[in-house]
Amino acid sequence: MSPPDSPIRILVDGAAVDVPRGVTVVAALVAAGTMRTRRSVTGQSRFAFCGIGQCQECRVTVDGCANRPACRTVCADGMVIETGGDW
């Protein structure tokens, strides 16, 4: 078993990223240098706006489950996050 303060590894658009335990997906995206969560219907890039899950701008796919709010989803070891790619 890993120590509670050891980092965890997630995949962001196929790239491995080590993040502290307990961080949200949006914080992990910032750590990964990915400042986009999705594209709008007109093709504009989007990112977290409100930080509390109300605006829905931070929706990502987590472990195959679409439209998860990145600001309210805590990272888990091995989590796979997809932002929509092809940026």
PDB file of N, CA and C in Angstrom:
ATOM      1  N   MET A   1       0.840  -1.186   0.000  1.00  0.00           N
ATOM      2  CA  MET A   1       0.000   0.000   0.000  1.00  0.00           C
ATOM      3  C   MET A   1       0.883   1.248   0.000  1.00  0.00           C
ATOM      4  N   SER A   2       0.508   2.249  -0.823  1.00  0.00           N
ATOM      5  CA  SER A   2       1.286   3.472  -0.941  1.00  0.00           C
ATOM      6  C   SER A   2       1.023   4.394   0.245  1.00  0.00           C
ATOM      7  N   PRO A   3       2.028   5.184   0.616  1.00  0.00           N
ATOM      8  CA  PRO A   3       1.799   6.183   1.663  1.00  0.00           C
ATOM      9  C   PRO A   3       0.724   7.167   1.233  1.00  0.00           C
ATOM     10  N   PRO A   4      -0.048   7.717   2.166  1.00  0.00           N
ATOM     11  CA  PRO A   4      -1.154   8.609   1.806  1.00  0.00           C
ATOM     12  C   PRO A   4      -0.727   9.879   1.076  1.00  0.00           C
ATOM     13  N   ASP A   5       0.531  10.291   1.233  1.00  0.00           N
ATOM     14  CA  ASP A   5       0.965  11.517   0.569  1.00  0.00           C
ATOM     15  C   ASP A   5       1.716  11.255  -0.738  1.00  0.00           C
ATOM     16  N   SER A   6       1.759   9.991  -1.170  1.00  0.00           N
ATOM     17  CA  SER A   6       2.451   9.687  -2.423  1.00  0.00           C
ATOM     18  C   SER A   6       1.560  10.070  -3.600  1.00  0.00           C
ATOM     19  N   PRO A   7       2.183  10.496  -4.718  1.00  0.00           N
ATOM     20  CA  PRO A   7       1.380  10.890  -5.884  1.00  0.00           C
ATOM     21  C   PRO A   7       0.713   9.678  -6.533  1.00  0.00           C
ATOM     22  N   ILE A   8      -0.289   9.966  -7.317  1.00  0.00           N
ATOM     23  CA  ILE A   8      -0.962   8.935  -8.106  1.00  0.00           C
ATOM     24  C   ILE A   8      -0.711   9.243  -9.571  1.00  0.00           C
ATOM     25  N   ARG A   9      -0.885   8.250 -10.423  1.00  0.00           N
ATOM     26  CA  ARG A   9      -0.680   8.433 -11.865  1.00  0.00           C
ATOM     27  C   ARG A   9      -2.013   8.308 -12.574  1.00  0.00           C
ATOM     28  N   ILE A  10      -2.284   9.296 -13.425  1.00  0.00           N
ATOM     29  CA  ILE A  10      -3.487   9.289 -14.252  1.00  0.00           C
ATOM     30  C   ILE A  10      -3.056   9.449 -15.711  1.00  0.00           C
ATOM     31  N   LEU A  11      -3.974   9.235 -16.616  1.00  0.00           N
ATOM     32  CA  LEU A  11      -3.717   9.485 -18.040  1.00  0.00           C
ATOM     33  C   LEU A  11      -4.608  10.629 -18.499  1.00  0.00           C
ATOM     34  N   VAL A  12      -3.990  11.642 -19.103  1.00  0.00           N
ATOM     35  CA  VAL A  12      -4.728  12.774 -19.652  1.00  0.00           C
ATOM     36  C   VAL A  12      -4.503  12.769 -21.155  1.00  0.00           C
ATOM     37  N   ASP A  13      -5.542  12.461 -21.895  1.00  0.00           N
ATOM     38  CA  ASP A  13      -5.443  12.365 -23.358  1.00  0.00           C
ATOM     39  C   ASP A  13      -4.268  11.485 -23.766  1.00  0.00           C
ATOM     40  N   GLY A  14      -4.093  10.381 -23.046  1.00  0.00           N
ATOM     41  CA  GLY A  14      -3.065   9.401 -23.373  1.00  0.00           C
ATOM     42  C   GLY A  14      -1.709   9.638 -22.750  1.00  0.00           C
ATOM     43  N   ALA A  15      -1.494  10.785 -22.119  1.00  0.00           N
ATOM     44  CA  ALA A  15      -0.206  11.099 -21.494  1.00  0.00           C
ATOM     45  C   ALA A  15      -0.268  10.836 -19.994  1.00  0.00           C
ATOM     46  N   ALA A  16       0.726  10.139 -19.470  1.00  0.00           N
ATOM     47  CA  ALA A  16       0.788   9.860 -18.036  1.00  0.00           C
ATOM     48  C   ALA A  16       1.147  11.133 -17.277  1.00  0.00           C
ATOM     49  N   VAL A  17       0.412  11.388 -16.188  1.00  0.00           N
ATOM     50  CA  VAL A  17       0.645  12.562 -15.351  1.00  0.00           C
ATOM     51  C   VAL A  17       0.594  12.113 -13.897  1.00  0.00           C
ATOM     52  N   ASP A  18       1.604  12.493 -13.116  1.00  0.00           N
ATOM     53  CA  ASP A  18       1.605  12.217 -11.682  1.00  0.00           C
ATOM     54  C   ASP A  18       1.056  13.439 -10.962  1.00  0.00           C
ATOM     55  N   VAL A  19       0.056  13.222 -10.116  1.00  0.00           N
ATOM     56  CA  VAL A  19      -0.583  14.318  -9.383  1.00  0.00           C
ATOM     57  C   VAL A  19      -0.710  13.933  -7.910  1.00  0.00           C
ATOM     58  N   PRO A  20      -0.818  14.923  -7.027  1.00  0.00           N
ATOM     59  CA  PRO A  20      -1.023  14.610  -5.617  1.00  0.00           C
ATOM     60  C   PRO A  20      -2.372  13.928  -5.401  1.00  0.00           C
ATOM     61  N   ARG A  21      -2.421  13.048  -4.439  1.00  0.00           N
ATOM     62  CA  ARG A  21      -3.684  12.421  -4.054  1.00  0.00           C
ATOM     63  C   ARG A  21      -4.673  13.484  -3.619  1.00  0.00           C
ATOM     64  N   GLY A  22      -5.944  13.318  -3.984  1.00  0.00           N
ATOM     65  CA  GLY A  22      -6.996  14.215  -3.518  1.00  0.00           C
ATOM     66  C   GLY A  22      -7.269  15.413  -4.398  1.00  0.00           C
ATOM     67  N   VAL A  23      -6.501  15.602  -5.483  1.00  0.00           N
ATOM     68  CA  VAL A  23      -6.771  16.753  -6.349  1.00  0.00           C
ATOM     69  C   VAL A  23      -7.925  16.454  -7.294  1.00  0.00           C
ATOM     70  N   THR A  24      -8.567  17.506  -7.739  1.00  0.00           N
ATOM     71  CA  THR A  24      -9.653  17.348  -8.700  1.00  0.00           C
ATOM     72  C   THR A  24      -9.076  17.144 -10.095  1.00  0.00           C
ATOM     73  N   VAL A  25      -9.918  16.692 -10.980  1.00  0.00           N
ATOM     74  CA  VAL A  25      -9.505  16.493 -12.364  1.00  0.00           C
ATOM     75  C   VAL A  25      -9.081  17.822 -12.977  1.00  0.00           C
ATOM     76  N   VAL A  26      -9.780  18.901 -12.693  1.00  0.00           N
ATOM     77  CA  VAL A  26      -9.401  20.190 -13.277  1.00  0.00           C
ATOM     78  C   VAL A  26      -8.017  20.612 -12.793  1.00  0.00           C
ATOM     79  N   ALA A  27      -7.674  20.364 -11.540  1.00  0.00           N
ATOM     80  CA  ALA A  27      -6.331  20.669 -11.040  1.00  0.00           C
ATOM     81  C   ALA A  27      -5.299  19.799 -11.742  1.00  0.00           C
ATOM     82  N   ALA A  28      -5.632  18.558 -12.005  1.00  0.00           N
ATOM     83  CA  ALA A  28      -4.726  17.655 -12.715  1.00  0.00           C
ATOM     84  C   ALA A  28      -4.519  18.124 -14.150  1.00  0.00           C
ATOM     85  N   LEU A  29      -5.563  18.652 -14.783  1.00  0.00           N
ATOM     86  CA  LEU A  29      -5.421  19.171 -16.135  1.00  0.00           C
ATOM     87  C   LEU A  29      -4.472  20.361 -16.160  1.00  0.00           C
ATOM     88  N   VAL A  30      -4.569  21.233 -15.176  1.00  0.00           N
ATOM     89  CA  VAL A  30      -3.649  22.369 -15.085  1.00  0.00           C
ATOM     90  C   VAL A  30      -2.223  21.858 -14.904  1.00  0.00           C
ATOM     91  N   ALA A  31      -2.041  20.875 -14.020  1.00  0.00           N
ATOM     92  CA  ALA A  31      -0.712  20.302 -13.789  1.00  0.00           C
ATOM     93  C   ALA A  31      -0.151  19.675 -15.066  1.00  0.00           C
ATOM     94  N   ALA A  32      -1.026  19.143 -15.900  1.00  0.00           N
ATOM     95  CA  ALA A  32      -0.608  18.507 -17.145  1.00  0.00           C
ATOM     96  C   ALA A  32      -0.387  19.526 -18.263  1.00  0.00           C
ATOM     97  N   GLY A  33      -0.705  20.794 -17.990  1.00  0.00           N
ATOM     98  CA  GLY A  33      -0.557  21.822 -19.013  1.00  0.00           C
ATOM     99  C   GLY A  33      -1.696  21.846 -20.006  1.00  0.00           C
ATOM    100  N   THR A  34      -2.794  21.201 -19.663  1.00  0.00           N
ATOM    101  CA  THR A  34      -3.970  21.148 -20.535  1.00  0.00           C
ATOM    102  C   THR A  34      -5.001  22.132 -20.009  1.00  0.00           C
ATOM    103  N   MET A  35      -5.102  23.274 -20.641  1.00  0.00           N
ATOM    104  CA  MET A  35      -6.033  24.307 -20.188  1.00  0.00           C
ATOM    105  C   MET A  35      -7.309  24.304 -21.013  1.00  0.00           C
ATOM    106  N   ARG A  36      -7.709  23.099 -21.431  1.00  0.00           N
ATOM    107  CA  ARG A  36      -8.959  22.931 -22.175  1.00  0.00           C
ATOM    108  C   ARG A  36      -9.640  21.663 -21.678  1.00  0.00           C
ATOM    109  N   THR A  37     -10.953  21.707 -21.607  1.00  0.00           N
ATOM    110  CA  THR A  37     -11.686  20.515 -21.198  1.00  0.00           C
ATOM    111  C   THR A  37     -12.519  19.934 -22.330  1.00  0.00           C
ATOM    112  N   ARG A  38     -12.932  20.780 -23.241  1.00  0.00           N
ATOM    113  CA  ARG A  38     -13.770  20.315 -24.345  1.00  0.00           C
ATOM    114  C   ARG A  38     -13.846  21.406 -25.387  1.00  0.00           C
ATOM    115  N   ARG A  39     -14.555  21.119 -26.474  1.00  0.00           N
ATOM    116  CA  ARG A  39     -14.849  22.119 -27.504  1.00  0.00           C
ATOM    117  C   ARG A  39     -16.348  22.417 -27.483  1.00  0.00           C
ATOM    118  N   SER A  40     -16.675  23.663 -27.749  1.00  0.00           N
ATOM    119  CA  SER A  40     -18.085  24.022 -27.874  1.00  0.00           C
ATOM    120  C   SER A  40     -18.602  23.513 -29.215  1.00  0.00           C
ATOM    121  N   VAL A  41     -19.885  23.642 -29.455  1.00  0.00           N
ATOM    122  CA  VAL A  41     -20.451  23.191 -30.725  1.00  0.00           C
ATOM    123  C   VAL A  41     -19.927  24.001 -31.899  1.00  0.00           C
ATOM    124  N   THR A  42     -19.402  25.204 -31.637  1.00  0.00           N
ATOM    125  CA  THR A  42     -18.823  26.028 -32.699  1.00  0.00           C
ATOM    126  C   THR A  42     -17.319  25.840 -32.815  1.00  0.00           C
ATOM    127  N   GLY A  43     -16.736  24.940 -31.997  1.00  0.00           N
ATOM    128  CA  GLY A  43     -15.318  24.631 -32.093  1.00  0.00           C
ATOM    129  C   GLY A  43     -14.400  25.388 -31.153  1.00  0.00           C
ATOM    130  N   GLN A  44     -14.954  26.264 -30.327  1.00  0.00           N
ATOM    131  CA  GLN A  44     -14.126  27.014 -29.381  1.00  0.00           C
ATOM    132  C   GLN A  44     -13.702  26.127 -28.222  1.00  0.00           C
ATOM    133  N   SER A  45     -12.473  26.345 -27.736  1.00  0.00           N
ATOM    134  CA  SER A  45     -12.032  25.563 -26.589  1.00  0.00           C
ATOM    135  C   SER A  45     -12.690  26.095 -25.318  1.00  0.00           C
ATOM    136  N   ARG A  46     -12.939  25.193 -24.389  1.00  0.00           N
ATOM    137  CA  ARG A  46     -13.596  25.533 -23.125  1.00  0.00           C
ATOM    138  C   ARG A  46     -12.732  25.058 -21.965  1.00  0.00           C
ATOM    139  N   PHE A  47     -12.931  25.677 -20.792  1.00  0.00           N
ATOM    140  CA  PHE A  47     -12.241  25.276 -19.570  1.00  0.00           C
ATOM    141  C   PHE A  47     -13.129  25.647 -18.392  1.00  0.00           C
ATOM    142  N   ALA A  48     -12.753  25.214 -17.219  1.00  0.00           N
ATOM    143  CA  ALA A  48     -13.534  25.488 -16.013  1.00  0.00           C
ATOM    144  C   ALA A  48     -13.768  26.988 -15.858  1.00  0.00           C
ATOM    145  N   PHE A  49     -14.976  27.355 -15.498  1.00  0.00           N
ATOM    146  CA  PHE A  49     -15.328  28.758 -15.321  1.00  0.00           C
ATOM    147  C   PHE A  49     -15.725  29.037 -13.875  1.00  0.00           C
ATOM    148  N   CYS A  50     -16.688  28.275 -13.359  1.00  0.00           N
ATOM    149  CA  CYS A  50     -17.196  28.571 -12.017  1.00  0.00           C
ATOM    150  C   CYS A  50     -16.456  27.802 -10.914  1.00  0.00           C
ATOM    151  N   GLY A  51     -15.969  26.618 -11.219  1.00  0.00           N
ATOM    152  CA  GLY A  51     -15.242  25.833 -10.231  1.00  0.00           C
ATOM    153  C   GLY A  51     -16.117  25.110  -9.216  1.00  0.00           C
ATOM    154  N   ILE A  52     -17.439  25.169  -9.385  1.00  0.00           N
ATOM    155  CA  ILE A  52     -18.331  24.491  -8.442  1.00  0.00           C
ATOM    156  C   ILE A  52     -19.335  23.565  -9.126  1.00  0.00           C
ATOM    157  N   GLY A  53     -19.149  23.327 -10.418  1.00  0.00           N
ATOM    158  CA  GLY A  53     -19.987  22.364 -11.131  1.00  0.00           C
ATOM    159  C   GLY A  53     -21.285  22.894 -11.689  1.00  0.00           C
ATOM    160  N   GLN A  54     -21.496  24.192 -11.648  1.00  0.00           N
ATOM    161  CA  GLN A  54     -22.751  24.742 -12.138  1.00  0.00           C
ATOM    162  C   GLN A  54     -22.724  25.126 -13.613  1.00  0.00           C
ATOM    163  N   CYS A  55     -21.567  25.609 -14.100  1.00  0.00           N
ATOM    164  CA  CYS A  55     -21.525  26.131 -15.470  1.00  0.00           C
ATOM    165  C   CYS A  55     -21.402  25.026 -16.524  1.00  0.00           C
ATOM    166  N   GLN A  56     -20.919  23.857 -16.151  1.00  0.00           N
ATOM    167  CA  GLN A  56     -20.761  22.717 -17.050  1.00  0.00           C
ATOM    168  C   GLN A  56     -19.706  22.920 -18.129  1.00  0.00           C
ATOM    169  N   GLU A  57     -18.872  23.947 -18.017  1.00  0.00           N
ATOM    170  CA  GLU A  57     -17.821  24.190 -19.007  1.00  0.00           C
ATOM    171  C   GLU A  57     -16.663  23.212 -18.873  1.00  0.00           C
ATOM    172  N   CYS A  58     -16.526  22.564 -17.728  1.00  0.00           N
ATOM    173  CA  CYS A  58     -15.364  21.702 -17.475  1.00  0.00           C
ATOM    174  C   CYS A  58     -15.639  20.219 -17.735  1.00  0.00           C
ATOM    175  N   ARG A  59     -16.696  19.907 -18.445  1.00  0.00           N
ATOM    176  CA  ARG A  59     -17.042  18.503 -18.670  1.00  0.00           C
ATOM    177  C   ARG A  59     -15.964  17.769 -19.453  1.00  0.00           C
ATOM    178  N   VAL A  60     -15.603  16.583 -18.960  1.00  0.00           N
ATOM    179  CA  VAL A  60     -14.629  15.704 -19.605  1.00  0.00           C
ATOM    180  C   VAL A  60     -15.157  14.273 -19.549  1.00  0.00           C
ATOM    181  N   THR A  61     -14.470  13.388 -20.234  1.00  0.00           N
ATOM    182  CA  THR A  61     -14.790  11.966 -20.149  1.00  0.00           C
ATOM    183  C   THR A  61     -13.807  11.336 -19.173  1.00  0.00           C
ATOM    184  N   VAL A  62     -14.337  10.668 -18.160  1.00  0.00           N
ATOM    185  CA  VAL A  62     -13.519  10.028 -17.133  1.00  0.00           C
ATOM    186  C   VAL A  62     -13.810   8.534 -17.148  1.00  0.00           C
ATOM    187  N   ASP A  63     -12.777   7.748 -17.410  1.00  0.00           N
ATOM    188  CA  ASP A  63     -12.905   6.290 -17.457  1.00  0.00           C
ATOM    189  C   ASP A  63     -14.072   5.847 -18.343  1.00  0.00           C
ATOM    190  N   GLY A  64     -14.224   6.545 -19.471  1.00  0.00           N
ATOM    191  CA  GLY A  64     -15.260   6.187 -20.436  1.00  0.00           C
ATOM    192  C   GLY A  64     -16.626   6.783 -20.168  1.00  0.00           C
ATOM    193  N   CYS A  65     -16.788   7.478 -19.054  1.00  0.00           N
ATOM    194  CA  CYS A  65     -18.067   8.098 -18.696  1.00  0.00           C
ATOM    195  C   CYS A  65     -18.035   9.569 -19.104  1.00  0.00           C
ATOM    196  N   ALA A  66     -18.835   9.929 -20.104  1.00  0.00           N
ATOM    197  CA  ALA A  66     -18.823  11.286 -20.654  1.00  0.00           C
ATOM    198  C   ALA A  66     -19.490  12.293 -19.724  1.00  0.00           C
ATOM    199  N   ASN A  67     -19.140  13.559 -19.951  1.00  0.00           N
ATOM    200  CA  ASN A  67     -19.777  14.710 -19.298  1.00  0.00           C
ATOM    201  C   ASN A  67     -19.631  14.744 -17.785  1.00  0.00           C
ATOM    202  N   ARG A  68     -18.487  14.295 -17.281  1.00  0.00           N
ATOM    203  CA  ARG A  68     -18.209  14.401 -15.851  1.00  0.00           C
ATOM    204  C   ARG A  68     -17.638  15.784 -15.556  1.00  0.00           C
ATOM    205  N   PRO A  69     -18.113  16.480 -14.516  1.00  0.00           N
ATOM    206  CA  PRO A  69     -17.563  17.797 -14.198  1.00  0.00           C
ATOM    207  C   PRO A  69     -16.158  17.660 -13.599  1.00  0.00           C
ATOM    208  N   ALA A  70     -15.168  18.207 -14.292  1.00  0.00           N
ATOM    209  CA  ALA A  70     -13.773  18.071 -13.862  1.00  0.00           C
ATOM    210  C   ALA A  70     -13.508  18.778 -12.542  1.00  0.00           C
ATOM    211  N   CYS A  71     -14.274  19.814 -12.244  1.00  0.00           N
ATOM    212  CA  CYS A  71     -14.033  20.566 -11.009  1.00  0.00           C
ATOM    213  C   CYS A  71     -14.596  19.848  -9.777  1.00  0.00           C
ATOM    214  N   ARG A  72     -15.453  18.870  -9.971  1.00  0.00           N
ATOM    215  CA  ARG A  72     -16.057  18.164  -8.842  1.00  0.00           C
ATOM    216  C   ARG A  72     -15.689  16.689  -8.794  1.00  0.00           C
ATOM    217  N   THR A  73     -14.787  16.266  -9.664  1.00  0.00           N
ATOM    218  CA  THR A  73     -14.374  14.866  -9.720  1.00  0.00           C
ATOM    219  C   THR A  73     -12.953  14.750  -9.192  1.00  0.00           C
ATOM    220  N   VAL A  74     -12.772  13.936  -8.156  1.00  0.00           N
ATOM    221  CA  VAL A  74     -11.446  13.737  -7.558  1.00  0.00           C
ATOM    222  C   VAL A  74     -10.713  12.639  -8.312  1.00  0.00           C
ATOM    223  N   CYS A  75      -9.445  12.879  -8.593  1.00  0.00           N
ATOM    224  CA  CYS A  75      -8.620  11.906  -9.315  1.00  0.00           C
ATOM    225  C   CYS A  75      -8.419  10.634  -8.509  1.00  0.00           C
ATOM    226  N   ALA A  76      -8.358   9.528  -9.211  1.00  0.00           N
ATOM    227  CA  ALA A  76      -8.047   8.225  -8.621  1.00  0.00           C
ATOM    228  C   ALA A  76      -6.901   7.620  -9.405  1.00  0.00           C
ATOM    229  N   ASP A  77      -6.095   6.819  -8.745  1.00  0.00           N
ATOM    230  CA  ASP A  77      -4.951   6.194  -9.393  1.00  0.00           C
ATOM    231  C   ASP A  77      -5.415   5.396 -10.613  1.00  0.00           C
ATOM    232  N   GLY A  78      -4.768   5.630 -11.747  1.00  0.00           N
ATOM    233  CA  GLY A  78      -5.111   4.919 -12.978  1.00  0.00           C
ATOM    234  C   GLY A  78      -6.247   5.515 -13.774  1.00  0.00           C
ATOM    235  N   MET A  79      -6.815   6.613 -13.300  1.00  0.00           N
ATOM    236  CA  MET A  79      -7.943   7.244 -13.988  1.00  0.00           C
ATOM    237  C   MET A  79      -7.534   7.678 -15.399  1.00  0.00           C
ATOM    238  N   VAL A  80      -8.460   7.517 -16.345  1.00  0.00           N
ATOM    239  CA  VAL A  80      -8.231   7.921 -17.728  1.00  0.00           C
ATOM    240  C   VAL A  80      -9.155   9.095 -18.031  1.00  0.00           C
ATOM    241  N   ILE A  81      -8.555  10.228 -18.391  1.00  0.00           N
ATOM    242  CA  ILE A  81      -9.303  11.450 -18.651  1.00  0.00           C
ATOM    243  C   ILE A  81      -9.127  11.823 -20.119  1.00  0.00           C
ATOM    244  N   GLU A  82     -10.249  12.085 -20.779  1.00  0.00           N
ATOM    245  CA  GLU A  82     -10.215  12.510 -22.183  1.00  0.00           C
ATOM    246  C   GLU A  82     -10.901  13.861 -22.281  1.00  0.00           C
ATOM    247  N   THR A  83     -10.218  14.804 -22.932  1.00  0.00           N
ATOM    248  CA  THR A  83     -10.754  16.165 -23.040  1.00  0.00           C
ATOM    249  C   THR A  83     -11.380  16.445 -24.390  1.00  0.00           C
ATOM    250  N   GLY A  84     -11.271  15.553 -25.312  1.00  0.00           N
ATOM    251  CA  GLY A  84     -11.806  15.782 -26.643  1.00  0.00           C
ATOM    252  C   GLY A  84     -10.724  15.764 -27.688  1.00  0.00           C
ATOM    253  N   GLY A  85      -9.475  15.893 -27.227  1.00  0.00           N
ATOM    254  CA  GLY A  85      -8.311  15.735 -28.096  1.00  0.00           C
ATOM    255  C   GLY A  85      -8.287  16.616 -29.323  1.00  0.00           C
ATOM    256  N   ASP A  86      -7.305  16.357 -30.171  1.00  0.00           N
ATOM    257  CA  ASP A  86      -7.114  17.074 -31.434  1.00  0.00           C
ATOM    258  C   ASP A  86      -7.098  18.581 -31.228  1.00  0.00           C
ATOM    259  N   TRP A  87      -6.420  19.020 -30.178  1.00  0.00           N
ATOM    260  CA  TRP A  87      -6.336  20.454 -29.934  1.00  0.00           C
ATOM    261  C   TRP A  87      -5.320  21.070 -30.843  1.00  0.00           C
TER     262      TRP A  87
END
